[in-house]
Amino acid sequence: MNCRICGNPLFAGRAIFRCSCGAITHGYCWEKHVLQTHEPSFEVGTVDLDGLFVIPPPAEEDETAPAMIAAGEAAAE
């Protein structure tokens, strides 16, 4: 029997994972399987010293970037 992600054989006595979808993978291939196959939604953030998950506020777009690109395009022409 082979790992569904990497295709290498699953050895007896080693940790393997069986997903609810039926996929059998190595322990180190499990995360890759979940991210590729099931595409879960997630949020990026940090953990503060109190152990609370904090999502940073959305970054405001820099209005100088489009002007710099436009100036660069104008110089190229």
PDB file of N, CA and C in Angstrom:
ATOM      1  N   MET A   1       0.847  -1.166   0.000  1.00  0.00           N
ATOM      2  CA  MET A   1       0.000   0.000   0.000  1.00  0.00           C
ATOM      3  C   MET A   1       0.899   1.237   0.000  1.00  0.00           C
ATOM      4  N   ASN A   2       0.517   2.252  -0.766  1.00  0.00           N
ATOM      5  CA  ASN A   2       1.328   3.461  -0.903  1.00  0.00           C
ATOM      6  C   ASN A   2       0.587   4.688  -0.387  1.00  0.00           C
ATOM      7  N   CYS A   3       1.363   5.683  -0.017  1.00  0.00           N
ATOM      8  CA  CYS A   3       0.829   6.971   0.428  1.00  0.00           C
ATOM      9  C   CYS A   3       0.146   7.656  -0.750  1.00  0.00           C
ATOM     10  N   ARG A   4      -1.020   8.222  -0.508  1.00  0.00           N
ATOM     11  CA  ARG A   4      -1.750   8.880  -1.582  1.00  0.00           C
ATOM     12  C   ARG A   4      -1.069  10.174  -2.041  1.00  0.00           C
ATOM     13  N   ILE A   5      -0.295  10.826  -1.188  1.00  0.00           N
ATOM     14  CA  ILE A   5       0.341  12.091  -1.541  1.00  0.00           C
ATOM     15  C   ILE A   5       1.676  11.884  -2.244  1.00  0.00           C
ATOM     16  N   CYS A   6       2.611  11.188  -1.607  1.00  0.00           N
ATOM     17  CA  CYS A   6       3.959  11.065  -2.175  1.00  0.00           C
ATOM     18  C   CYS A   6       4.161   9.795  -2.989  1.00  0.00           C
ATOM     19  N   GLY A   7       3.302   8.798  -2.809  1.00  0.00           N
ATOM     20  CA  GLY A   7       3.411   7.572  -3.579  1.00  0.00           C
ATOM     21  C   GLY A   7       4.386   6.552  -3.020  1.00  0.00           C
ATOM     22  N   ASN A   8       5.087   6.887  -1.953  1.00  0.00           N
ATOM     23  CA  ASN A   8       6.039   5.958  -1.340  1.00  0.00           C
ATOM     24  C   ASN A   8       5.285   4.928  -0.502  1.00  0.00           C
ATOM     25  N   PRO A   9       5.871   3.741  -0.307  1.00  0.00           N
ATOM     26  CA  PRO A   9       5.190   2.694   0.454  1.00  0.00           C
ATOM     27  C   PRO A   9       4.991   3.071   1.925  1.00  0.00           C
ATOM     28  N   LEU A  10       3.907   2.557   2.491  1.00  0.00           N
ATOM     29  CA  LEU A  10       3.621   2.735   3.918  1.00  0.00           C
ATOM     30  C   LEU A  10       4.205   1.536   4.646  1.00  0.00           C
ATOM     31  N   PHE A  11       5.111   1.774   5.566  1.00  0.00           N
ATOM     32  CA  PHE A  11       5.803   0.707   6.267  1.00  0.00           C
ATOM     33  C   PHE A  11       5.046   0.299   7.526  1.00  0.00           C
ATOM     34  N   ALA A  12       5.066  -0.991   7.830  1.00  0.00           N
ATOM     35  CA  ALA A  12       4.430  -1.512   9.036  1.00  0.00           C
ATOM     36  C   ALA A  12       5.125  -0.939  10.264  1.00  0.00           C
ATOM     37  N   GLY A  13       4.346  -0.597  11.262  1.00  0.00           N
ATOM     38  CA  GLY A  13       4.900  -0.082  12.496  1.00  0.00           C
ATOM     39  C   GLY A  13       5.126   1.418  12.506  1.00  0.00           C
ATOM     40  N   ARG A  14       4.942   2.086  11.392  1.00  0.00           N
ATOM     41  CA  ARG A  14       5.111   3.539  11.326  1.00  0.00           C
ATOM     42  C   ARG A  14       3.748   4.215  11.430  1.00  0.00           C
ATOM     43  N   ALA A  15       3.740   5.470  11.865  1.00  0.00           N
ATOM     44  CA  ALA A  15       2.487   6.215  11.994  1.00  0.00           C
ATOM     45  C   ALA A  15       1.949   6.564  10.615  1.00  0.00           C
ATOM     46  N   ILE A  16       0.678   6.246  10.401  1.00  0.00           N
ATOM     47  CA  ILE A  16      -0.005   6.643   9.178  1.00  0.00           C
ATOM     48  C   ILE A  16      -1.328   7.284   9.567  1.00  0.00           C
ATOM     49  N   PHE A  17      -1.877   8.048   8.664  1.00  0.00           N
ATOM     50  CA  PHE A  17      -3.150   8.701   8.917  1.00  0.00           C
ATOM     51  C   PHE A  17      -4.156   8.258   7.871  1.00  0.00           C
ATOM     52  N   ARG A  18      -5.379   7.994   8.324  1.00  0.00           N
ATOM     53  CA  ARG A  18      -6.469   7.686   7.406  1.00  0.00           C
ATOM     54  C   ARG A  18      -7.500   8.792   7.545  1.00  0.00           C
ATOM     55  N   CYS A  19      -7.736   9.494   6.459  1.00  0.00           N
ATOM     56  CA  CYS A  19      -8.641  10.635   6.440  1.00  0.00           C
ATOM     57  C   CYS A  19     -10.090  10.145   6.341  1.00  0.00           C
ATOM     58  N   SER A  20     -11.021  11.003   6.683  1.00  0.00           N
ATOM     59  CA  SER A  20     -12.432  10.660   6.554  1.00  0.00           C
ATOM     60  C   SER A  20     -12.828  10.456   5.094  1.00  0.00           C
ATOM     61  N   CYS A  21     -12.027  10.983   4.157  1.00  0.00           N
ATOM     62  CA  CYS A  21     -12.303  10.790   2.731  1.00  0.00           C
ATOM     63  C   CYS A  21     -11.742   9.463   2.229  1.00  0.00           C
ATOM     64  N   GLY A  22     -10.995   8.735   3.082  1.00  0.00           N
ATOM     65  CA  GLY A  22     -10.461   7.435   2.715  1.00  0.00           C
ATOM     66  C   GLY A  22      -8.990   7.438   2.345  1.00  0.00           C
ATOM     67  N   ALA A  23      -8.381   8.597   2.257  1.00  0.00           N
ATOM     68  CA  ALA A  23      -6.961   8.676   1.894  1.00  0.00           C
ATOM     69  C   ALA A  23      -6.103   8.181   3.047  1.00  0.00           C
ATOM     70  N   ILE A  24      -5.071   7.415   2.711  1.00  0.00           N
ATOM     71  CA  ILE A  24      -4.110   6.947   3.709  1.00  0.00           C
ATOM     72  C   ILE A  24      -2.767   7.581   3.362  1.00  0.00           C
ATOM     73  N   THR A  25      -2.178   8.275   4.345  1.00  0.00           N
ATOM     74  CA  THR A  25      -0.947   9.020   4.102  1.00  0.00           C
ATOM     75  C   THR A  25       0.053   8.794   5.228  1.00  0.00           C
ATOM     76  N   HIS A  26       1.319   9.132   4.949  1.00  0.00           N
ATOM     77  CA  HIS A  26       2.334   9.182   6.002  1.00  0.00           C
ATOM     78  C   HIS A  26       1.966  10.308   6.974  1.00  0.00           C
ATOM     79  N   GLY A  27       2.540  10.252   8.159  1.00  0.00           N
ATOM     80  CA  GLY A  27       2.327  11.322   9.124  1.00  0.00           C
ATOM     81  C   GLY A  27       2.809  12.668   8.604  1.00  0.00           C
ATOM     82  N   TYR A  28       3.926  12.661   7.889  1.00  0.00           N
ATOM     83  CA  TYR A  28       4.485  13.918   7.391  1.00  0.00           C
ATOM     84  C   TYR A  28       3.821  14.384   6.099  1.00  0.00           C
ATOM     85  N   CYS A  29       2.955  13.582   5.498  1.00  0.00           N
ATOM     86  CA  CYS A  29       2.213  13.987   4.294  1.00  0.00           C
ATOM     87  C   CYS A  29       0.793  14.436   4.619  1.00  0.00           C
ATOM     88  N   TRP A  30       0.381  14.239   5.862  1.00  0.00           N
ATOM     89  CA  TRP A  30      -0.998  14.524   6.266  1.00  0.00           C
ATOM     90  C   TRP A  30      -1.384  15.980   6.025  1.00  0.00           C
ATOM     91  N   GLU A  31      -0.544  16.904   6.458  1.00  0.00           N
ATOM     92  CA  GLU A  31      -0.851  18.326   6.324  1.00  0.00           C
ATOM     93  C   GLU A  31      -1.004  18.708   4.845  1.00  0.00           C
ATOM     94  N   LYS A  32      -0.127  18.187   4.022  1.00  0.00           N
ATOM     95  CA  LYS A  32      -0.189  18.470   2.585  1.00  0.00           C
ATOM     96  C   LYS A  32      -1.502  17.941   1.991  1.00  0.00           C
ATOM     97  N   HIS A  33      -1.929  16.744   2.422  1.00  0.00           N
ATOM     98  CA  HIS A  33      -3.188  16.170   1.941  1.00  0.00           C
ATOM     99  C   HIS A  33      -4.367  17.066   2.307  1.00  0.00           C
ATOM    100  N   VAL A  34      -4.420  17.472   3.562  1.00  0.00           N
ATOM    101  CA  VAL A  34      -5.553  18.284   4.023  1.00  0.00           C
ATOM    102  C   VAL A  34      -5.602  19.612   3.287  1.00  0.00           C
ATOM    103  N   LEU A  35      -4.455  20.277   3.123  1.00  0.00           N
ATOM    104  CA  LEU A  35      -4.437  21.580   2.456  1.00  0.00           C
ATOM    105  C   LEU A  35      -4.758  21.471   0.969  1.00  0.00           C
ATOM    106  N   GLN A  36      -4.264  20.445   0.293  1.00  0.00           N
ATOM    107  CA  GLN A  36      -4.497  20.311  -1.144  1.00  0.00           C
ATOM    108  C   GLN A  36      -5.888  19.787  -1.457  1.00  0.00           C
ATOM    109  N   THR A  37      -6.328  18.792  -0.731  1.00  0.00           N
ATOM    110  CA  THR A  37      -7.570  18.113  -1.070  1.00  0.00           C
ATOM    111  C   THR A  37      -8.804  18.807  -0.509  1.00  0.00           C
ATOM    112  N   HIS A  38      -8.753  19.186   0.750  1.00  0.00           N
ATOM    113  CA  HIS A  38      -9.947  19.706   1.405  1.00  0.00           C
ATOM    114  C   HIS A  38     -10.025  21.225   1.412  1.00  0.00           C
ATOM    115  N   GLU A  39      -8.917  21.899   1.155  1.00  0.00           N
ATOM    116  CA  GLU A  39      -8.839  23.360   1.068  1.00  0.00           C
ATOM    117  C   GLU A  39      -9.634  24.060   2.189  1.00  0.00           C
ATOM    118  N   PRO A  40      -9.226  23.854   3.441  1.00  0.00           N
ATOM    119  CA  PRO A  40      -9.957  24.487   4.546  1.00  0.00           C
ATOM    120  C   PRO A  40      -9.756  26.000   4.566  1.00  0.00           C
ATOM    121  N   SER A  41     -10.750  26.699   5.096  1.00  0.00           N
ATOM    122  CA  SER A  41     -10.587  28.143   5.253  1.00  0.00           C
ATOM    123  C   SER A  41      -9.784  28.389   6.533  1.00  0.00           C
ATOM    124  N   PHE A  42      -8.959  29.396   6.526  1.00  0.00           N
ATOM    125  CA  PHE A  42      -8.167  29.707   7.706  1.00  0.00           C
ATOM    126  C   PHE A  42      -7.881  31.197   7.735  1.00  0.00           C
ATOM    127  N   GLU A  43      -7.498  31.657   8.902  1.00  0.00           N
ATOM    128  CA  GLU A  43      -7.157  33.069   9.097  1.00  0.00           C
ATOM    129  C   GLU A  43      -5.719  33.151   9.573  1.00  0.00           C
ATOM    130  N   VAL A  44      -5.028  34.174   9.135  1.00  0.00           N
ATOM    131  CA  VAL A  44      -3.643  34.388   9.540  1.00  0.00           C
ATOM    132  C   VAL A  44      -3.641  35.419  10.653  1.00  0.00           C
ATOM    133  N   GLY A  45      -2.925  35.124  11.709  1.00  0.00           N
ATOM    134  CA  GLY A  45      -2.854  36.046  12.829  1.00  0.00           C
ATOM    135  C   GLY A  45      -1.686  35.701  13.733  1.00  0.00           C
ATOM    136  N   THR A  46      -1.722  36.240  14.921  1.00  0.00           N
ATOM    137  CA  THR A  46      -0.676  35.985  15.903  1.00  0.00           C
ATOM    138  C   THR A  46      -1.318  35.618  17.235  1.00  0.00           C
ATOM    139  N   VAL A  47      -0.505  35.078  18.134  1.00  0.00           N
ATOM    140  CA  VAL A  47      -0.957  34.777  19.485  1.00  0.00           C
ATOM    141  C   VAL A  47      -0.236  35.726  20.417  1.00  0.00           C
ATOM    142  N   ASP A  48      -1.010  36.444  21.263  1.00  0.00           N
ATOM    143  CA  ASP A  48      -0.370  37.376  22.188  1.00  0.00           C
ATOM    144  C   ASP A  48       0.080  36.638  23.450  1.00  0.00           C
ATOM    145  N   LEU A  49       0.647  37.353  24.399  1.00  0.00           N
ATOM    146  CA  LEU A  49       1.185  36.737  25.616  1.00  0.00           C
ATOM    147  C   LEU A  49       0.111  36.123  26.496  1.00  0.00           C
ATOM    148  N   ASP A  50      -1.150  36.539  26.318  1.00  0.00           N
ATOM    149  CA  ASP A  50      -2.251  35.970  27.095  1.00  0.00           C
ATOM    150  C   ASP A  50      -2.821  34.716  26.439  1.00  0.00           C
ATOM    151  N   GLY A  51      -2.296  34.337  25.284  1.00  0.00           N
ATOM    152  CA  GLY A  51      -2.767  33.154  24.591  1.00  0.00           C
ATOM    153  C   GLY A  51      -3.966  33.408  23.693  1.00  0.00           C
ATOM    154  N   LEU A  52      -4.275  34.668  23.430  1.00  0.00           N
ATOM    155  CA  LEU A  52      -5.406  35.006  22.577  1.00  0.00           C
ATOM    156  C   LEU A  52      -4.960  35.141  21.124  1.00  0.00           C
ATOM    157  N   PHE A  53      -5.759  34.607  20.213  1.00  0.00           N
ATOM    158  CA  PHE A  53      -5.478  34.707  18.788  1.00  0.00           C
ATOM    159  C   PHE A  53      -5.932  36.078  18.304  1.00  0.00           C
ATOM    160  N   VAL A  54      -5.027  36.815  17.682  1.00  0.00           N
ATOM    161  CA  VAL A  54      -5.312  38.178  17.242  1.00  0.00           C
ATOM    162  C   VAL A  54      -5.130  38.255  15.731  1.00  0.00           C
ATOM    163  N   ILE A  55      -6.179  38.725  15.051  1.00  0.00           N
ATOM    164  CA  ILE A  55      -6.105  38.928  13.609  1.00  0.00           C
ATOM    165  C   ILE A  55      -5.733  40.380  13.373  1.00  0.00           C
ATOM    166  N   PRO A  56      -4.662  40.641  12.610  1.00  0.00           N
ATOM    167  CA  PRO A  56      -4.266  42.032  12.368  1.00  0.00           C
ATOM    168  C   PRO A  56      -5.305  42.740  11.500  1.00  0.00           C
ATOM    169  N   PRO A  57      -5.445  44.046  11.681  1.00  0.00           N
ATOM    170  CA  PRO A  57      -6.400  44.783  10.846  1.00  0.00           C
ATOM    171  C   PRO A  57      -5.951  44.727   9.384  1.00  0.00           C
ATOM    172  N   PRO A  58      -6.909  44.800   8.462  1.00  0.00           N
ATOM    173  CA  PRO A  58      -6.521  44.753   7.045  1.00  0.00           C
ATOM    174  C   PRO A  58      -5.604  45.918   6.685  1.00  0.00           C
ATOM    175  N   ALA A  59      -4.611  45.617   5.886  1.00  0.00           N
ATOM    176  CA  ALA A  59      -3.646  46.636   5.487  1.00  0.00           C
ATOM    177  C   ALA A  59      -4.299  47.600   4.506  1.00  0.00           C
ATOM    178  N   GLU A  60      -4.070  48.874   4.748  1.00  0.00           N
ATOM    179  CA  GLU A  60      -4.592  49.870   3.824  1.00  0.00           C
ATOM    180  C   GLU A  60      -3.675  49.939   2.626  1.00  0.00           C
ATOM    181  N   GLU A  61      -4.283  50.073   1.457  1.00  0.00           N
ATOM    182  CA  GLU A  61      -3.483  50.105   0.239  1.00  0.00           C
ATOM    183  C   GLU A  61      -2.687  51.387   0.152  1.00  0.00           C
ATOM    184  N   ASP A  62      -1.467  51.243  -0.292  1.00  0.00           N
ATOM    185  CA  ASP A  62      -0.580  52.382  -0.445  1.00  0.00           C
ATOM    186  C   ASP A  62      -0.925  53.089  -1.753  1.00  0.00           C
ATOM    187  N   GLU A  63      -1.305  54.352  -1.682  1.00  0.00           N
ATOM    188  CA  GLU A  63      -1.731  55.074  -2.882  1.00  0.00           C
ATOM    189  C   GLU A  63      -0.551  55.532  -3.727  1.00  0.00           C
ATOM    190  N   THR A  64       0.665  55.442  -3.210  1.00  0.00           N
ATOM    191  CA  THR A  64       1.816  55.869  -4.000  1.00  0.00           C
ATOM    192  C   THR A  64       2.263  54.775  -4.967  1.00  0.00           C
ATOM    193  N   ALA A  65       1.926  53.517  -4.679  1.00  0.00           N
ATOM    194  CA  ALA A  65       2.365  52.415  -5.540  1.00  0.00           C
ATOM    195  C   ALA A  65       1.806  52.536  -6.964  1.00  0.00           C
ATOM    196  N   PRO A  66       0.495  52.783  -7.167  1.00  0.00           N
ATOM    197  CA  PRO A  66       0.014  52.916  -8.541  1.00  0.00           C
ATOM    198  C   PRO A  66       0.649  54.099  -9.274  1.00  0.00           C
ATOM    199  N   ALA A  67       0.927  55.180  -8.558  1.00  0.00           N
ATOM    200  CA  ALA A  67       1.540  56.338  -9.195  1.00  0.00           C
ATOM    201  C   ALA A  67       2.959  56.000  -9.630  1.00  0.00           C
ATOM    202  N   MET A  68       3.677  55.211  -8.823  1.00  0.00           N
ATOM    203  CA  MET A  68       5.038  54.830  -9.186  1.00  0.00           C
ATOM    204  C   MET A  68       5.018  53.899 -10.388  1.00  0.00           C
ATOM    205  N   ILE A  69       4.041  52.994 -10.444  1.00  0.00           N
ATOM    206  CA  ILE A  69       3.950  52.086 -11.587  1.00  0.00           C
ATOM    207  C   ILE A  69       3.605  52.875 -12.838  1.00  0.00           C
ATOM    208  N   ALA A  70       2.676  53.812 -12.704  1.00  0.00           N
ATOM    209  CA  ALA A  70       2.282  54.607 -13.868  1.00  0.00           C
ATOM    210  C   ALA A  70       3.465  55.425 -14.362  1.00  0.00           C
ATOM    211  N   ALA A  71       4.249  55.977 -13.452  1.00  0.00           N
ATOM    212  CA  ALA A  71       5.418  56.770 -13.859  1.00  0.00           C
ATOM    213  C   ALA A  71       6.456  55.883 -14.522  1.00  0.00           C
ATOM    214  N   GLY A  72       6.625  54.662 -14.042  1.00  0.00           N
ATOM    215  CA  GLY A  72       7.569  53.719 -14.635  1.00  0.00           C
ATOM    216  C   GLY A  72       7.132  53.292 -16.032  1.00  0.00           C
ATOM    217  N   GLU A  73       5.835  53.108 -16.215  1.00  0.00           N
ATOM    218  CA  GLU A  73       5.319  52.732 -17.524  1.00  0.00           C
ATOM    219  C   GLU A  73       5.486  53.888 -18.514  1.00  0.00           C
ATOM    220  N   ALA A  74       5.271  55.117 -18.031  1.00  0.00           N
ATOM    221  CA  ALA A  74       5.397  56.276 -18.894  1.00  0.00           C
ATOM    222  C   ALA A  74       6.864  56.464 -19.340  1.00  0.00           C
ATOM    223  N   ALA A  75       7.784  56.158 -18.450  1.00  0.00           N
ATOM    224  CA  ALA A  75       9.201  56.311 -18.790  1.00  0.00           C
ATOM    225  C   ALA A  75       9.635  55.247 -19.805  1.00  0.00           C
ATOM    226  N   ALA A  76       9.012  54.073 -19.740  1.00  0.00           N
ATOM    227  CA  ALA A  76       9.383  52.978 -20.639  1.00  0.00           C
ATOM    228  C   ALA A  76       8.905  53.275 -22.070  1.00  0.00           C
ATOM    229  N   GLU A  77       7.847  54.054 -22.197  1.00  0.00           N
ATOM    230  CA  GLU A  77       7.288  54.316 -23.533  1.00  0.00           C
ATOM    231  C   GLU A  77       8.017  55.395 -24.229  1.00  0.00           C
TER     232      GLU A  77
END
